[in-house]
Amino acid sequence: MNTKMPTLLNVIRALLGVQSIFIGISMAFLIADLFRDSADYSAFPLSDQIAYFASIGLRVLMVLVPPILTIVFISRRSYKLTITFMSLALFFGVVFFQNFLVLLHIFMLLTLLLHKPSKVYLKRKDTRVNEAVVETKD
């Protein structure tokens, strides 16, 4: 009995993928501009430069990692971790974006919490795989 992924859950996964690609490309251009104009920062002490670039790298990780992990845990059918990382993606979206992505994250989180087929799909364990593992041990 192979259950298909609900359409809304597939839409959420696709939106998170597109968002991750968009943010990744945007961050790559930002970092390229920073390194191209690094002579502008040469007047500051090295420790300040390191702290500045480290904070940018940390922000990039905070923005990119939760949506990517949400996609992974949707694929692995892990409900609690999916909700956890979707909540983190919403939190970091509120902190760093303050635009339409926050509304999109709220919609996606509410869908994960309230859409019954998505919740059942994420909580369900695949019995076929479990039976195959038991049969190979015998």
N, C-alpha and C. Protein backbone atom coordinates (compact mmCIF):
# COMPACT_ATOMS: atom_id res chain seq x y z
N MET A 1 0.84 -1.18 0.00
CA MET A 1 0.00 0.00 0.00
C MET A 1 0.89 1.25 0.00
N ASN A 2 1.07 1.80 -1.15
CA ASN A 2 1.91 2.98 -1.30
C ASN A 2 1.04 4.21 -1.39
N THR A 3 1.09 5.06 -0.39
CA THR A 3 0.29 6.27 -0.35
C THR A 3 1.06 7.41 -0.98
N LYS A 4 0.37 8.13 -1.85
CA LYS A 4 1.00 9.28 -2.49
C LYS A 4 1.09 10.45 -1.53
N MET A 5 2.05 11.31 -1.78
CA MET A 5 2.19 12.53 -0.99
C MET A 5 1.03 13.46 -1.34
N PRO A 6 0.37 14.03 -0.31
CA PRO A 6 -0.73 14.98 -0.59
C PRO A 6 -0.24 16.17 -1.41
N THR A 7 -1.14 16.70 -2.21
CA THR A 7 -0.79 17.78 -3.12
C THR A 7 -0.27 19.01 -2.39
N LEU A 8 -0.94 19.40 -1.30
CA LEU A 8 -0.49 20.58 -0.55
C LEU A 8 0.90 20.38 0.03
N LEU A 9 1.20 19.17 0.47
CA LEU A 9 2.53 18.89 1.01
C LEU A 9 3.58 18.96 -0.10
N ASN A 10 3.22 18.51 -1.27
CA ASN A 10 4.12 18.60 -2.42
C ASN A 10 4.34 20.06 -2.82
N VAL A 11 3.28 20.87 -2.73
CA VAL A 11 3.40 22.30 -3.04
C VAL A 11 4.33 22.97 -2.03
N ILE A 12 4.18 22.62 -0.75
CA ILE A 12 5.06 23.19 0.29
C ILE A 12 6.51 22.84 0.01
N ARG A 13 6.75 21.59 -0.34
CA ARG A 13 8.11 21.16 -0.63
C ARG A 13 8.68 21.90 -1.83
N ALA A 14 7.86 22.11 -2.86
CA ALA A 14 8.32 22.84 -4.04
C ALA A 14 8.60 24.30 -3.72
N LEU A 15 7.72 24.93 -2.95
CA LEU A 15 7.93 26.33 -2.58
C LEU A 15 9.19 26.51 -1.74
N LEU A 16 9.42 25.60 -0.82
CA LEU A 16 10.64 25.68 -0.01
C LEU A 16 11.89 25.49 -0.88
N GLY A 17 11.79 24.61 -1.87
CA GLY A 17 12.92 24.41 -2.78
C GLY A 17 13.21 25.65 -3.61
N VAL A 18 12.17 26.26 -4.15
CA VAL A 18 12.34 27.47 -4.95
C VAL A 18 12.89 28.60 -4.07
N GLN A 19 12.35 28.71 -2.85
CA GLN A 19 12.85 29.74 -1.93
C GLN A 19 14.32 29.52 -1.61
N SER A 20 14.71 28.29 -1.36
CA SER A 20 16.11 27.99 -1.03
C SER A 20 17.04 28.33 -2.20
N ILE A 21 16.61 28.00 -3.40
CA ILE A 21 17.42 28.31 -4.58
C ILE A 21 17.54 29.83 -4.76
N PHE A 22 16.42 30.54 -4.62
CA PHE A 22 16.42 31.99 -4.76
C PHE A 22 17.32 32.65 -3.72
N ILE A 23 17.18 32.24 -2.47
CA ILE A 23 17.98 32.83 -1.40
C ILE A 23 19.45 32.47 -1.58
N GLY A 24 19.74 31.24 -2.00
CA GLY A 24 21.12 30.82 -2.24
C GLY A 24 21.79 31.65 -3.32
N ILE A 25 21.08 31.88 -4.41
CA ILE A 25 21.64 32.69 -5.50
C ILE A 25 21.82 34.13 -5.04
N SER A 26 20.84 34.67 -4.32
CA SER A 26 20.94 36.04 -3.82
C SER A 26 22.13 36.19 -2.88
N MET A 27 22.28 35.24 -1.99
CA MET A 27 23.40 35.29 -1.05
C MET A 27 24.75 35.14 -1.76
N ALA A 28 24.79 34.34 -2.80
CA ALA A 28 26.03 34.18 -3.56
C ALA A 28 26.42 35.50 -4.22
N PHE A 29 25.44 36.22 -4.78
CA PHE A 29 25.73 37.52 -5.37
C PHE A 29 26.17 38.53 -4.30
N LEU A 30 25.53 38.49 -3.13
CA LEU A 30 25.91 39.38 -2.05
C LEU A 30 27.34 39.12 -1.59
N ILE A 31 27.68 37.88 -1.41
CA ILE A 31 29.04 37.54 -0.97
C ILE A 31 30.06 37.89 -2.05
N ALA A 32 29.71 37.67 -3.32
CA ALA A 32 30.62 38.04 -4.41
C ALA A 32 30.85 39.55 -4.42
N ASP A 33 29.79 40.33 -4.20
CA ASP A 33 29.96 41.79 -4.13
C ASP A 33 30.82 42.21 -2.95
N LEU A 34 30.64 41.53 -1.82
CA LEU A 34 31.45 41.86 -0.64
C LEU A 34 32.93 41.58 -0.89
N PHE A 35 33.22 40.45 -1.51
CA PHE A 35 34.62 40.12 -1.77
C PHE A 35 35.22 40.97 -2.88
N ARG A 36 34.41 41.37 -3.84
CA ARG A 36 34.91 42.23 -4.91
C ARG A 36 35.26 43.61 -4.37
N ASP A 37 34.45 44.08 -3.43
CA ASP A 37 34.70 45.41 -2.84
C ASP A 37 35.37 45.29 -1.48
N SER A 38 36.18 44.26 -1.28
CA SER A 38 36.80 44.06 0.04
C SER A 38 37.82 45.14 0.37
N ALA A 39 38.31 45.87 -0.63
CA ALA A 39 39.26 46.95 -0.36
C ALA A 39 38.58 48.07 0.44
N ASP A 40 37.26 48.18 0.33
CA ASP A 40 36.53 49.19 1.10
C ASP A 40 36.59 48.90 2.60
N TYR A 41 36.80 47.64 2.95
CA TYR A 41 36.83 47.26 4.36
C TYR A 41 38.24 47.25 4.94
N SER A 42 39.23 47.56 4.13
CA SER A 42 40.62 47.45 4.59
C SER A 42 40.98 48.50 5.65
N ALA A 43 40.19 49.54 5.78
CA ALA A 43 40.47 50.56 6.79
C ALA A 43 40.12 50.07 8.20
N PHE A 44 39.29 49.05 8.27
CA PHE A 44 38.88 48.52 9.57
C PHE A 44 39.87 47.47 10.05
N PRO A 45 39.98 47.28 11.36
CA PRO A 45 40.89 46.24 11.88
C PRO A 45 40.44 44.85 11.41
N LEU A 46 41.40 43.95 11.35
CA LEU A 46 41.13 42.59 10.86
C LEU A 46 40.07 41.88 11.70
N SER A 47 40.10 42.08 13.00
CA SER A 47 39.12 41.42 13.87
C SER A 47 37.70 41.88 13.55
N ASP A 48 37.52 43.16 13.22
CA ASP A 48 36.20 43.66 12.84
C ASP A 48 35.76 43.09 11.50
N GLN A 49 36.71 42.97 10.57
CA GLN A 49 36.38 42.38 9.27
C GLN A 49 35.95 40.92 9.43
N ILE A 50 36.68 40.17 10.24
CA ILE A 50 36.34 38.76 10.46
C ILE A 50 34.97 38.64 11.12
N ALA A 51 34.70 39.48 12.11
CA ALA A 51 33.40 39.44 12.78
C ALA A 51 32.27 39.79 11.82
N TYR A 52 32.50 40.76 10.96
CA TYR A 52 31.48 41.17 9.99
C TYR A 52 31.17 40.05 9.00
N PHE A 53 32.21 39.48 8.42
CA PHE A 53 32.00 38.41 7.45
C PHE A 53 31.47 37.14 8.11
N ALA A 54 31.86 36.88 9.35
CA ALA A 54 31.32 35.73 10.07
C ALA A 54 29.83 35.92 10.36
N SER A 55 29.43 37.13 10.68
CA SER A 55 28.01 37.38 10.93
C SER A 55 27.19 37.21 9.65
N ILE A 56 27.75 37.61 8.53
CA ILE A 56 27.06 37.41 7.25
C ILE A 56 26.94 35.92 6.96
N GLY A 57 28.02 35.17 7.18
CA GLY A 57 27.96 33.72 6.96
C GLY A 57 26.97 33.04 7.87
N LEU A 58 26.88 33.47 9.11
CA LEU A 58 25.92 32.89 10.05
C LEU A 58 24.49 33.20 9.63
N ARG A 59 24.25 34.40 9.16
CA ARG A 59 22.91 34.74 8.67
C ARG A 59 22.53 33.90 7.46
N VAL A 60 23.48 33.69 6.56
CA VAL A 60 23.21 32.85 5.40
C VAL A 60 22.82 31.45 5.85
N LEU A 61 23.54 30.90 6.81
CA LEU A 61 23.21 29.56 7.31
C LEU A 61 21.85 29.54 8.01
N MET A 62 21.54 30.56 8.79
CA MET A 62 20.26 30.61 9.48
C MET A 62 19.08 30.70 8.51
N VAL A 63 19.31 31.35 7.39
CA VAL A 63 18.23 31.51 6.42
C VAL A 63 18.10 30.29 5.52
N LEU A 64 19.21 29.65 5.17
CA LEU A 64 19.16 28.54 4.22
C LEU A 64 18.93 27.17 4.84
N VAL A 65 19.46 26.91 6.01
CA VAL A 65 19.42 25.56 6.57
C VAL A 65 18.02 25.10 6.97
N PRO A 66 17.20 25.89 7.70
CA PRO A 66 15.88 25.37 8.08
C PRO A 66 14.97 24.97 6.92
N PRO A 67 14.85 25.75 5.82
CA PRO A 67 14.02 25.27 4.72
C PRO A 67 14.56 23.99 4.06
N ILE A 68 15.88 23.89 3.95
CA ILE A 68 16.45 22.69 3.34
C ILE A 68 16.19 21.47 4.23
N LEU A 69 16.36 21.62 5.54
CA LEU A 69 16.08 20.51 6.44
C LEU A 69 14.59 20.18 6.49
N THR A 70 13.72 21.18 6.31
CA THR A 70 12.29 20.90 6.23
C THR A 70 11.98 20.03 5.02
N ILE A 71 12.60 20.33 3.90
CA ILE A 71 12.41 19.51 2.69
C ILE A 71 12.88 18.08 2.94
N VAL A 72 14.01 17.94 3.59
CA VAL A 72 14.55 16.61 3.88
C VAL A 72 13.61 15.83 4.78
N PHE A 73 13.10 16.46 5.83
CA PHE A 73 12.25 15.74 6.77
C PHE A 73 10.85 15.50 6.24
N ILE A 74 10.38 16.31 5.28
CA ILE A 74 9.13 15.97 4.60
C ILE A 74 9.34 14.70 3.79
N SER A 75 10.48 14.60 3.11
CA SER A 75 10.77 13.40 2.32
C SER A 75 10.94 12.17 3.19
N ARG A 76 11.47 12.35 4.41
CA ARG A 76 11.69 11.22 5.32
C ARG A 76 10.47 10.92 6.18
N ARG A 77 9.39 11.70 6.03
CA ARG A 77 8.14 11.51 6.77
C ARG A 77 8.33 11.62 8.27
N SER A 78 8.99 12.65 8.69
CA SER A 78 9.19 12.91 10.11
C SER A 78 8.41 14.16 10.49
N TYR A 79 7.25 13.95 11.13
CA TYR A 79 6.32 15.04 11.41
C TYR A 79 6.91 16.06 12.39
N LYS A 80 7.43 15.60 13.51
CA LYS A 80 7.91 16.52 14.54
C LYS A 80 9.08 17.37 14.04
N LEU A 81 10.02 16.75 13.36
CA LEU A 81 11.17 17.51 12.85
C LEU A 81 10.76 18.45 11.72
N THR A 82 9.78 18.05 10.92
CA THR A 82 9.28 18.92 9.86
C THR A 82 8.67 20.17 10.47
N ILE A 83 7.83 19.99 11.49
CA ILE A 83 7.20 21.14 12.15
C ILE A 83 8.25 22.01 12.84
N THR A 84 9.23 21.37 13.47
CA THR A 84 10.29 22.12 14.17
C THR A 84 11.06 23.01 13.20
N PHE A 85 11.53 22.45 12.09
CA PHE A 85 12.34 23.23 11.17
C PHE A 85 11.49 24.21 10.36
N MET A 86 10.20 23.91 10.15
CA MET A 86 9.33 24.88 9.49
C MET A 86 9.10 26.07 10.42
N SER A 87 8.99 25.81 11.72
CA SER A 87 8.86 26.90 12.69
C SER A 87 10.13 27.75 12.74
N LEU A 88 11.29 27.10 12.69
CA LEU A 88 12.55 27.86 12.65
C LEU A 88 12.65 28.69 11.38
N ALA A 89 12.22 28.12 10.25
CA ALA A 89 12.25 28.88 9.00
C ALA A 89 11.33 30.09 9.09
N LEU A 90 10.17 29.93 9.74
CA LEU A 90 9.26 31.07 9.94
C LEU A 90 9.90 32.10 10.85
N PHE A 91 10.50 31.66 11.94
CA PHE A 91 11.13 32.59 12.89
C PHE A 91 12.25 33.38 12.22
N PHE A 92 13.14 32.70 11.51
CA PHE A 92 14.23 33.41 10.84
C PHE A 92 13.72 34.26 9.68
N GLY A 93 12.60 33.85 9.08
CA GLY A 93 11.99 34.69 8.05
C GLY A 93 11.48 35.99 8.63
N VAL A 94 10.87 35.92 9.81
CA VAL A 94 10.39 37.14 10.47
C VAL A 94 11.56 38.04 10.86
N VAL A 95 12.64 37.44 11.34
CA VAL A 95 13.79 38.21 11.79
C VAL A 95 14.52 38.87 10.62
N PHE A 96 14.74 38.13 9.53
CA PHE A 96 15.61 38.63 8.47
C PHE A 96 14.88 39.19 7.25
N PHE A 97 13.64 38.76 6.97
CA PHE A 97 13.02 39.15 5.70
C PHE A 97 12.01 40.28 5.83
N GLN A 98 11.00 40.13 6.65
CA GLN A 98 9.91 41.08 6.80
C GLN A 98 9.24 41.41 5.46
N ASN A 99 8.96 40.40 4.67
CA ASN A 99 8.27 40.61 3.40
C ASN A 99 7.28 39.47 3.17
N PHE A 100 6.95 39.21 1.91
CA PHE A 100 5.93 38.23 1.60
C PHE A 100 6.33 36.81 2.00
N LEU A 101 7.61 36.54 2.16
CA LEU A 101 8.03 35.19 2.56
C LEU A 101 7.51 34.83 3.95
N VAL A 102 7.31 35.81 4.81
CA VAL A 102 6.76 35.55 6.14
C VAL A 102 5.34 35.04 6.01
N LEU A 103 4.53 35.66 5.17
CA LEU A 103 3.16 35.20 4.94
C LEU A 103 3.16 33.80 4.32
N LEU A 104 4.08 33.56 3.42
CA LEU A 104 4.18 32.24 2.80
C LEU A 104 4.55 31.18 3.83
N HIS A 105 5.47 31.51 4.73
CA HIS A 105 5.86 30.57 5.79
C HIS A 105 4.70 30.31 6.75
N ILE A 106 3.94 31.34 7.07
CA ILE A 106 2.77 31.15 7.94
C ILE A 106 1.77 30.22 7.27
N PHE A 107 1.51 30.43 5.98
CA PHE A 107 0.61 29.54 5.24
C PHE A 107 1.12 28.10 5.25
N MET A 108 2.41 27.93 5.01
CA MET A 108 2.97 26.57 4.96
C MET A 108 2.91 25.89 6.33
N LEU A 109 3.22 26.63 7.39
CA LEU A 109 3.17 26.05 8.73
C LEU A 109 1.74 25.69 9.12
N LEU A 110 0.79 26.55 8.83
CA LEU A 110 -0.61 26.25 9.12
C LEU A 110 -1.10 25.04 8.33
N THR A 111 -0.65 24.94 7.10
CA THR A 111 -1.02 23.77 6.29
C THR A 111 -0.46 22.50 6.91
N LEU A 112 0.78 22.54 7.35
CA LEU A 112 1.36 21.35 7.98
C LEU A 112 0.63 20.99 9.27
N LEU A 113 0.19 21.99 10.01
CA LEU A 113 -0.47 21.73 11.29
C LEU A 113 -1.94 21.35 11.14
N LEU A 114 -2.64 21.89 10.16
CA LEU A 114 -4.09 21.71 10.07
C LEU A 114 -4.57 20.79 8.96
N HIS A 115 -3.77 20.58 7.94
CA HIS A 115 -4.21 19.74 6.82
C HIS A 115 -4.09 18.27 7.21
N LYS A 116 -5.24 17.62 7.36
CA LYS A 116 -5.29 16.25 7.88
C LYS A 116 -4.52 15.25 7.00
N PRO A 117 -4.70 15.24 5.67
CA PRO A 117 -3.93 14.26 4.86
C PRO A 117 -2.42 14.44 4.96
N SER A 118 -1.96 15.69 5.06
CA SER A 118 -0.52 15.93 5.20
C SER A 118 -0.01 15.42 6.54
N LYS A 119 -0.78 15.67 7.57
CA LYS A 119 -0.39 15.21 8.91
C LYS A 119 -0.34 13.68 8.96
N VAL A 120 -1.34 13.03 8.38
CA VAL A 120 -1.38 11.56 8.37
C VAL A 120 -0.21 11.01 7.54
N TYR A 121 0.08 11.65 6.41
CA TYR A 121 1.18 11.19 5.57
C TYR A 121 2.51 11.29 6.29
N LEU A 122 2.74 12.40 7.00
CA LEU A 122 4.01 12.59 7.68
C LEU A 122 4.16 11.69 8.91
N LYS A 123 3.05 11.36 9.55
CA LYS A 123 3.13 10.53 10.75
C LYS A 123 3.14 9.03 10.44
N ARG A 124 2.73 8.65 9.24
CA ARG A 124 2.60 7.24 8.89
C ARG A 124 3.97 6.63 8.64
N LYS A 125 4.16 5.45 9.18
CA LYS A 125 5.38 4.68 8.91
C LYS A 125 5.09 3.71 7.77
N ASP A 126 6.04 3.54 6.91
CA ASP A 126 5.86 2.65 5.76
C ASP A 126 6.01 1.20 6.22
N THR A 127 4.90 0.47 6.26
CA THR A 127 4.93 -0.90 6.76
C THR A 127 5.60 -1.84 5.78
N ARG A 128 5.53 -1.54 4.50
CA ARG A 128 6.16 -2.39 3.50
C ARG A 128 7.66 -2.48 3.72
N VAL A 129 8.29 -1.37 4.01
CA VAL A 129 9.73 -1.35 4.24
C VAL A 129 10.05 -2.11 5.52
N ASN A 130 9.25 -1.90 6.58
CA ASN A 130 9.49 -2.60 7.84
C ASN A 130 9.33 -4.11 7.69
N GLU A 131 8.34 -4.56 6.92
CA GLU A 131 8.15 -5.99 6.69
C GLU A 131 9.31 -6.58 5.90
N ALA A 132 9.84 -5.83 4.92
CA ALA A 132 10.96 -6.32 4.12
C ALA A 132 12.20 -6.49 4.97
N VAL A 133 12.40 -5.60 5.93
CA VAL A 133 13.57 -5.72 6.81
C VAL A 133 13.44 -6.94 7.69
N VAL A 134 12.24 -7.20 8.21
CA VAL A 134 12.02 -8.37 9.07
C VAL A 134 12.21 -9.66 8.30
N GLU A 135 11.73 -9.70 7.04
CA GLU A 135 11.86 -10.90 6.22
C GLU A 135 13.32 -11.21 5.89
N THR A 136 14.14 -10.19 5.69
CA THR A 136 15.55 -10.44 5.36
C THR A 136 16.33 -10.92 6.56
N LYS A 137 15.88 -10.60 7.78
CA LYS A 137 16.56 -11.08 8.99
C LYS A 137 16.30 -12.54 9.25
N ASP A 138 15.16 -13.06 8.82
CA ASP A 138 14.82 -14.48 9.08
C ASP A 138 15.60 -15.43 8.25
